[in-house]
Amino acid sequence: MRLFGKKKSGQHLDRRTSLHAKPVLNRLVKVERGEDGNVVLLVPRPDNWWVRWVTSRFKLPAYKRVALDGLGSFVIEHCDGEHTVRDVVDKFAKKYRLNRREAEVSMNTFLRDLARRSIIGLVIEEAGA
């Protein structure tokens, strides 16, 4: 058991599988709109003795606020379990006038970061389903 080490990385997906995955927002994450119209995520803090002690000792809120810009807001709005990553990449490239490869690389990096922070998950449908 590691106390402060990094978690082992999860299963790696090939490009085709990751593009057909459907990003879904974690149901514990709350979504609000900021004054500027962009998305603000309220992400719950981990539930363990250390975090509970620190949050109670320093009177921290139970949720971390993550303010997103327009690009991040666009992506979060499409993490509904209905759009595939490919759909989001295509819409993102069209809206922000990027070539498909640039949009795909940016999207994969951002989605990987959101998944690492447990803000989203990726639904991968089985081949026979």
N, C-alpha and C. Protein backbone atom coordinates (compact mmCIF):
# COMPACT_ATOMS: atom_id res chain seq x y z
N MET A 1 0.84 -1.19 0.00
CA MET A 1 0.00 0.00 0.00
C MET A 1 0.88 1.24 0.00
N ARG A 2 0.57 2.16 -0.90
CA ARG A 2 1.32 3.41 -0.97
C ARG A 2 0.53 4.50 -0.29
N LEU A 3 1.21 5.28 0.52
CA LEU A 3 0.53 6.38 1.19
C LEU A 3 0.50 7.63 0.33
N PHE A 4 1.62 7.96 -0.28
CA PHE A 4 1.68 9.19 -1.06
C PHE A 4 2.06 8.96 -2.51
N GLY A 5 2.17 7.74 -2.96
CA GLY A 5 2.57 7.44 -4.32
C GLY A 5 1.43 7.62 -5.30
N LYS A 6 1.78 7.58 -6.58
CA LYS A 6 0.77 7.67 -7.63
C LYS A 6 0.06 6.34 -7.78
N LYS A 7 -1.19 6.41 -8.17
CA LYS A 7 -1.93 5.20 -8.47
C LYS A 7 -1.40 4.61 -9.76
N LYS A 8 -1.55 3.30 -9.90
CA LYS A 8 -1.17 2.67 -11.15
C LYS A 8 -2.13 3.12 -12.23
N SER A 9 -1.60 3.31 -13.42
CA SER A 9 -2.47 3.76 -14.51
C SER A 9 -3.43 2.65 -14.90
N GLY A 10 -4.59 3.06 -15.37
CA GLY A 10 -5.64 2.12 -15.74
C GLY A 10 -5.39 1.50 -17.10
N GLN A 11 -6.40 0.91 -17.62
CA GLN A 11 -6.31 0.24 -18.90
C GLN A 11 -6.10 1.28 -20.00
N HIS A 12 -5.19 0.99 -20.91
CA HIS A 12 -4.95 1.90 -22.03
C HIS A 12 -5.84 1.51 -23.20
N LEU A 13 -6.40 2.51 -23.85
CA LEU A 13 -7.30 2.27 -24.97
C LEU A 13 -6.59 2.59 -26.27
N ASP A 14 -6.91 1.83 -27.31
CA ASP A 14 -6.38 2.18 -28.61
C ASP A 14 -7.19 3.36 -29.17
N ARG A 15 -6.70 3.96 -30.22
CA ARG A 15 -7.31 5.17 -30.78
C ARG A 15 -8.76 4.93 -31.20
N ARG A 16 -9.00 3.84 -31.90
CA ARG A 16 -10.35 3.55 -32.40
C ARG A 16 -11.35 3.39 -31.26
N THR A 17 -10.97 2.63 -30.24
CA THR A 17 -11.86 2.41 -29.10
C THR A 17 -12.12 3.70 -28.35
N SER A 18 -11.07 4.51 -28.15
CA SER A 18 -11.27 5.76 -27.40
C SER A 18 -12.15 6.74 -28.17
N LEU A 19 -12.09 6.75 -29.49
CA LEU A 19 -12.94 7.65 -30.27
C LEU A 19 -14.40 7.22 -30.25
N HIS A 20 -14.66 5.94 -30.04
CA HIS A 20 -16.04 5.45 -29.98
C HIS A 20 -16.60 5.45 -28.56
N ALA A 21 -15.77 5.78 -27.57
CA ALA A 21 -16.23 5.85 -26.19
C ALA A 21 -17.13 7.07 -26.00
N LYS A 22 -18.01 6.98 -25.01
CA LYS A 22 -18.91 8.09 -24.71
C LYS A 22 -18.56 8.68 -23.35
N PRO A 23 -18.11 9.94 -23.33
CA PRO A 23 -17.77 10.55 -22.03
C PRO A 23 -19.03 10.88 -21.23
N VAL A 24 -18.98 10.55 -19.94
CA VAL A 24 -20.11 10.77 -19.04
C VAL A 24 -19.61 11.51 -17.81
N LEU A 25 -20.32 12.55 -17.41
CA LEU A 25 -19.98 13.32 -16.22
C LEU A 25 -20.24 12.48 -14.98
N ASN A 26 -19.34 12.50 -14.03
CA ASN A 26 -19.51 11.82 -12.75
C ASN A 26 -20.76 12.38 -12.07
N ARG A 27 -21.65 11.50 -11.61
CA ARG A 27 -22.90 11.99 -11.03
C ARG A 27 -22.71 12.71 -9.70
N LEU A 28 -21.54 12.58 -9.08
CA LEU A 28 -21.26 13.30 -7.84
C LEU A 28 -20.78 14.73 -8.09
N VAL A 29 -20.40 15.01 -9.32
CA VAL A 29 -19.93 16.35 -9.69
C VAL A 29 -21.14 17.21 -10.01
N LYS A 30 -21.19 18.38 -9.40
CA LYS A 30 -22.28 19.32 -9.65
C LYS A 30 -21.80 20.37 -10.65
N VAL A 31 -22.72 20.79 -11.52
CA VAL A 31 -22.38 21.76 -12.56
C VAL A 31 -23.18 23.04 -12.30
N GLU A 32 -22.48 24.15 -12.27
CA GLU A 32 -23.11 25.46 -12.13
C GLU A 32 -22.62 26.36 -13.27
N ARG A 33 -23.30 27.47 -13.44
CA ARG A 33 -22.87 28.48 -14.42
C ARG A 33 -22.28 29.65 -13.66
N GLY A 34 -21.13 30.12 -14.11
CA GLY A 34 -20.52 31.30 -13.52
C GLY A 34 -21.17 32.55 -14.06
N GLU A 35 -20.75 33.68 -13.55
CA GLU A 35 -21.30 34.97 -14.00
C GLU A 35 -21.01 35.22 -15.48
N ASP A 36 -19.91 34.67 -15.97
CA ASP A 36 -19.55 34.86 -17.38
C ASP A 36 -20.21 33.84 -18.30
N GLY A 37 -21.03 32.95 -17.74
CA GLY A 37 -21.73 31.96 -18.55
C GLY A 37 -20.98 30.66 -18.72
N ASN A 38 -19.74 30.62 -18.25
CA ASN A 38 -18.96 29.39 -18.35
C ASN A 38 -19.30 28.44 -17.21
N VAL A 39 -18.93 27.19 -17.38
CA VAL A 39 -19.24 26.14 -16.42
C VAL A 39 -18.29 26.20 -15.23
N VAL A 40 -18.86 26.01 -14.04
CA VAL A 40 -18.08 25.84 -12.81
C VAL A 40 -18.46 24.47 -12.26
N LEU A 41 -17.46 23.61 -12.08
CA LEU A 41 -17.70 22.28 -11.55
C LEU A 41 -17.46 22.27 -10.05
N LEU A 42 -18.33 21.60 -9.32
CA LEU A 42 -18.14 21.39 -7.89
C LEU A 42 -17.79 19.92 -7.72
N VAL A 43 -16.51 19.66 -7.48
CA VAL A 43 -15.99 18.30 -7.41
C VAL A 43 -15.83 17.91 -5.95
N PRO A 44 -16.45 16.79 -5.52
CA PRO A 44 -16.33 16.41 -4.11
C PRO A 44 -14.89 16.02 -3.78
N ARG A 45 -14.49 16.37 -2.58
CA ARG A 45 -13.16 15.98 -2.13
C ARG A 45 -13.18 14.49 -1.80
N PRO A 46 -12.03 13.82 -1.87
CA PRO A 46 -11.99 12.39 -1.54
C PRO A 46 -12.46 12.16 -0.10
N ASP A 47 -13.11 11.03 0.12
CA ASP A 47 -13.64 10.72 1.45
C ASP A 47 -12.71 9.74 2.17
N ASN A 48 -11.71 10.29 2.84
CA ASN A 48 -10.85 9.48 3.68
C ASN A 48 -10.52 10.27 4.93
N TRP A 49 -9.93 9.64 5.91
CA TRP A 49 -9.71 10.28 7.20
C TRP A 49 -8.83 11.52 7.08
N TRP A 50 -7.82 11.48 6.20
CA TRP A 50 -6.91 12.60 6.08
C TRP A 50 -7.62 13.84 5.53
N VAL A 51 -8.40 13.65 4.47
CA VAL A 51 -9.12 14.77 3.86
C VAL A 51 -10.18 15.30 4.82
N ARG A 52 -10.89 14.41 5.49
CA ARG A 52 -11.89 14.87 6.48
C ARG A 52 -11.23 15.68 7.59
N TRP A 53 -10.07 15.25 8.07
CA TRP A 53 -9.37 15.96 9.13
C TRP A 53 -8.94 17.35 8.66
N VAL A 54 -8.32 17.40 7.46
CA VAL A 54 -7.83 18.69 6.94
C VAL A 54 -9.00 19.64 6.68
N THR A 55 -10.08 19.15 6.05
CA THR A 55 -11.21 20.03 5.74
C THR A 55 -11.89 20.54 6.99
N SER A 56 -11.99 19.68 8.02
CA SER A 56 -12.62 20.16 9.26
C SER A 56 -11.69 21.10 10.02
N ARG A 57 -10.41 20.81 10.02
CA ARG A 57 -9.44 21.63 10.74
C ARG A 57 -9.33 23.03 10.14
N PHE A 58 -9.33 23.12 8.82
CA PHE A 58 -9.17 24.39 8.15
C PHE A 58 -10.48 24.95 7.59
N LYS A 59 -11.58 24.31 7.96
CA LYS A 59 -12.92 24.76 7.56
C LYS A 59 -13.03 24.93 6.04
N LEU A 60 -12.59 23.92 5.32
CA LEU A 60 -12.67 23.93 3.86
C LEU A 60 -14.02 23.36 3.43
N PRO A 61 -14.54 23.79 2.30
CA PRO A 61 -15.80 23.22 1.81
C PRO A 61 -15.62 21.77 1.37
N ALA A 62 -16.72 21.03 1.31
CA ALA A 62 -16.68 19.62 0.92
C ALA A 62 -16.41 19.46 -0.57
N TYR A 63 -16.59 20.54 -1.34
CA TYR A 63 -16.40 20.49 -2.79
C TYR A 63 -15.29 21.45 -3.22
N LYS A 64 -14.52 21.02 -4.21
CA LYS A 64 -13.55 21.90 -4.86
C LYS A 64 -14.22 22.56 -6.04
N ARG A 65 -14.03 23.83 -6.23
CA ARG A 65 -14.59 24.55 -7.37
C ARG A 65 -13.57 24.57 -8.50
N VAL A 66 -14.01 24.13 -9.68
CA VAL A 66 -13.15 24.13 -10.85
C VAL A 66 -13.85 24.98 -11.90
N ALA A 67 -13.32 26.17 -12.16
CA ALA A 67 -13.90 27.08 -13.15
C ALA A 67 -13.29 26.77 -14.51
N LEU A 68 -14.14 26.56 -15.50
CA LEU A 68 -13.68 26.25 -16.85
C LEU A 68 -13.85 27.45 -17.76
N ASP A 69 -13.04 27.49 -18.79
CA ASP A 69 -13.19 28.55 -19.79
C ASP A 69 -14.22 28.09 -20.82
N GLY A 70 -14.36 28.83 -21.89
CA GLY A 70 -15.35 28.52 -22.92
C GLY A 70 -15.11 27.17 -23.58
N LEU A 71 -13.84 26.83 -23.81
CA LEU A 71 -13.52 25.55 -24.44
C LEU A 71 -13.88 24.38 -23.52
N GLY A 72 -13.49 24.49 -22.26
CA GLY A 72 -13.81 23.44 -21.29
C GLY A 72 -15.30 23.31 -21.08
N SER A 73 -16.00 24.43 -21.06
CA SER A 73 -17.46 24.42 -20.90
C SER A 73 -18.11 23.69 -22.07
N PHE A 74 -17.61 23.94 -23.28
CA PHE A 74 -18.14 23.27 -24.47
C PHE A 74 -18.00 21.75 -24.33
N VAL A 75 -16.85 21.31 -23.88
CA VAL A 75 -16.61 19.87 -23.74
C VAL A 75 -17.51 19.27 -22.67
N ILE A 76 -17.59 19.91 -21.50
CA ILE A 76 -18.42 19.37 -20.41
C ILE A 76 -19.88 19.27 -20.82
N GLU A 77 -20.36 20.24 -21.59
CA GLU A 77 -21.75 20.20 -22.04
C GLU A 77 -22.03 18.99 -22.94
N HIS A 78 -20.99 18.45 -23.56
CA HIS A 78 -21.16 17.30 -24.45
C HIS A 78 -20.80 15.97 -23.78
N CYS A 79 -20.49 15.99 -22.50
CA CYS A 79 -20.21 14.76 -21.75
C CYS A 79 -21.51 14.24 -21.14
N ASP A 80 -22.41 13.82 -22.01
CA ASP A 80 -23.75 13.41 -21.56
C ASP A 80 -24.03 11.93 -21.77
N GLY A 81 -23.06 11.18 -22.26
CA GLY A 81 -23.26 9.77 -22.49
C GLY A 81 -23.94 9.45 -23.81
N GLU A 82 -24.30 10.46 -24.56
CA GLU A 82 -24.94 10.26 -25.86
C GLU A 82 -23.98 10.53 -27.00
N HIS A 83 -23.09 11.50 -26.81
CA HIS A 83 -22.10 11.84 -27.84
C HIS A 83 -20.85 11.00 -27.65
N THR A 84 -20.28 10.52 -28.73
CA THR A 84 -18.99 9.83 -28.65
C THR A 84 -17.88 10.87 -28.64
N VAL A 85 -16.69 10.43 -28.31
CA VAL A 85 -15.54 11.33 -28.34
C VAL A 85 -15.35 11.85 -29.76
N ARG A 86 -15.56 11.00 -30.75
CA ARG A 86 -15.44 11.42 -32.15
C ARG A 86 -16.42 12.55 -32.46
N ASP A 87 -17.67 12.44 -31.98
CA ASP A 87 -18.67 13.50 -32.20
C ASP A 87 -18.20 14.82 -31.59
N VAL A 88 -17.70 14.74 -30.36
CA VAL A 88 -17.26 15.96 -29.67
C VAL A 88 -16.06 16.58 -30.39
N VAL A 89 -15.13 15.73 -30.84
CA VAL A 89 -13.97 16.23 -31.59
C VAL A 89 -14.43 16.95 -32.85
N ASP A 90 -15.35 16.34 -33.60
CA ASP A 90 -15.83 16.95 -34.84
C ASP A 90 -16.51 18.29 -34.59
N LYS A 91 -17.38 18.35 -33.57
CA LYS A 91 -18.06 19.61 -33.25
C LYS A 91 -17.08 20.67 -32.75
N PHE A 92 -16.12 20.23 -31.94
CA PHE A 92 -15.10 21.12 -31.41
C PHE A 92 -14.27 21.72 -32.55
N ALA A 93 -13.84 20.86 -33.49
CA ALA A 93 -13.03 21.32 -34.63
C ALA A 93 -13.80 22.30 -35.49
N LYS A 94 -15.08 22.01 -35.71
CA LYS A 94 -15.89 22.89 -36.55
C LYS A 94 -16.13 24.24 -35.87
N LYS A 95 -16.49 24.19 -34.58
CA LYS A 95 -16.82 25.44 -33.87
C LYS A 95 -15.60 26.35 -33.71
N TYR A 96 -14.44 25.77 -33.40
CA TYR A 96 -13.25 26.58 -33.14
C TYR A 96 -12.27 26.61 -34.31
N ARG A 97 -12.72 26.14 -35.49
CA ARG A 97 -11.95 26.19 -36.73
C ARG A 97 -10.55 25.60 -36.59
N LEU A 98 -10.50 24.37 -36.10
CA LEU A 98 -9.25 23.64 -35.97
C LEU A 98 -9.25 22.50 -36.97
N ASN A 99 -8.05 22.04 -37.35
CA ASN A 99 -8.06 20.83 -38.17
C ASN A 99 -8.36 19.65 -37.24
N ARG A 100 -8.79 18.57 -37.83
CA ARG A 100 -9.28 17.44 -37.04
C ARG A 100 -8.21 16.87 -36.12
N ARG A 101 -6.99 16.79 -36.59
CA ARG A 101 -5.90 16.21 -35.79
C ARG A 101 -5.61 17.08 -34.55
N GLU A 102 -5.55 18.39 -34.72
CA GLU A 102 -5.34 19.29 -33.58
C GLU A 102 -6.45 19.14 -32.56
N ALA A 103 -7.69 19.10 -33.05
CA ALA A 103 -8.83 18.97 -32.15
C ALA A 103 -8.79 17.64 -31.41
N GLU A 104 -8.42 16.58 -32.11
CA GLU A 104 -8.38 15.25 -31.49
C GLU A 104 -7.32 15.18 -30.39
N VAL A 105 -6.15 15.71 -30.66
CA VAL A 105 -5.07 15.69 -29.67
C VAL A 105 -5.46 16.51 -28.45
N SER A 106 -6.00 17.70 -28.67
CA SER A 106 -6.41 18.56 -27.56
C SER A 106 -7.52 17.91 -26.74
N MET A 107 -8.49 17.32 -27.44
CA MET A 107 -9.62 16.69 -26.77
C MET A 107 -9.17 15.49 -25.94
N ASN A 108 -8.31 14.65 -26.51
CA ASN A 108 -7.83 13.48 -25.78
C ASN A 108 -7.07 13.88 -24.52
N THR A 109 -6.25 14.91 -24.62
CA THR A 109 -5.49 15.38 -23.47
C THR A 109 -6.43 15.90 -22.38
N PHE A 110 -7.41 16.71 -22.77
CA PHE A 110 -8.35 17.29 -21.81
C PHE A 110 -9.22 16.20 -21.18
N LEU A 111 -9.75 15.29 -21.98
CA LEU A 111 -10.59 14.22 -21.44
C LEU A 111 -9.80 13.29 -20.52
N ARG A 112 -8.56 13.02 -20.87
CA ARG A 112 -7.71 12.19 -20.01
C ARG A 112 -7.51 12.86 -18.65
N ASP A 113 -7.31 14.18 -18.66
CA ASP A 113 -7.14 14.92 -17.41
C ASP A 113 -8.42 14.89 -16.58
N LEU A 114 -9.57 15.08 -17.23
CA LEU A 114 -10.85 15.02 -16.51
C LEU A 114 -11.08 13.63 -15.93
N ALA A 115 -10.74 12.59 -16.67
CA ALA A 115 -10.92 11.22 -16.19
C ALA A 115 -9.97 10.94 -15.03
N ARG A 116 -8.75 11.42 -15.12
CA ARG A 116 -7.77 11.23 -14.03
C ARG A 116 -8.25 11.87 -12.73
N ARG A 117 -8.97 12.97 -12.86
CA ARG A 117 -9.51 13.67 -11.69
C ARG A 117 -10.88 13.15 -11.26
N SER A 118 -11.35 12.10 -11.92
CA SER A 118 -12.65 11.46 -11.64
C SER A 118 -13.83 12.41 -11.88
N ILE A 119 -13.67 13.34 -12.81
CA ILE A 119 -14.76 14.24 -13.16
C ILE A 119 -15.64 13.59 -14.22
N ILE A 120 -15.02 12.83 -15.11
CA ILE A 120 -15.79 12.09 -16.11
C ILE A 120 -15.36 10.63 -16.11
N GLY A 121 -16.16 9.82 -16.77
CA GLY A 121 -15.82 8.44 -17.05
C GLY A 121 -16.09 8.22 -18.52
N LEU A 122 -15.54 7.15 -19.08
CA LEU A 122 -15.76 6.82 -20.48
C LEU A 122 -16.54 5.51 -20.55
N VAL A 123 -17.67 5.54 -21.24
CA VAL A 123 -18.47 4.34 -21.44
C VAL A 123 -18.04 3.70 -22.75
N ILE A 124 -17.61 2.47 -22.65
CA ILE A 124 -17.16 1.73 -23.83
C ILE A 124 -18.12 0.59 -24.05
N GLU A 125 -18.80 0.63 -25.18
CA GLU A 125 -19.77 -0.42 -25.48
C GLU A 125 -19.05 -1.64 -26.03
N GLU A 126 -19.52 -2.81 -25.64
CA GLU A 126 -18.95 -4.06 -26.12
C GLU A 126 -19.26 -4.23 -27.61
N ALA A 127 -18.45 -4.98 -28.30
CA ALA A 127 -18.60 -5.14 -29.75
C ALA A 127 -19.93 -5.79 -30.13
N GLY A 128 -20.44 -6.73 -29.33
CA GLY A 128 -21.68 -7.43 -29.66
C GLY A 128 -22.92 -6.76 -29.14
N ALA A 129 -22.79 -5.66 -28.42
CA ALA A 129 -23.97 -5.02 -27.79
C ALA A 129 -24.70 -4.11 -28.71
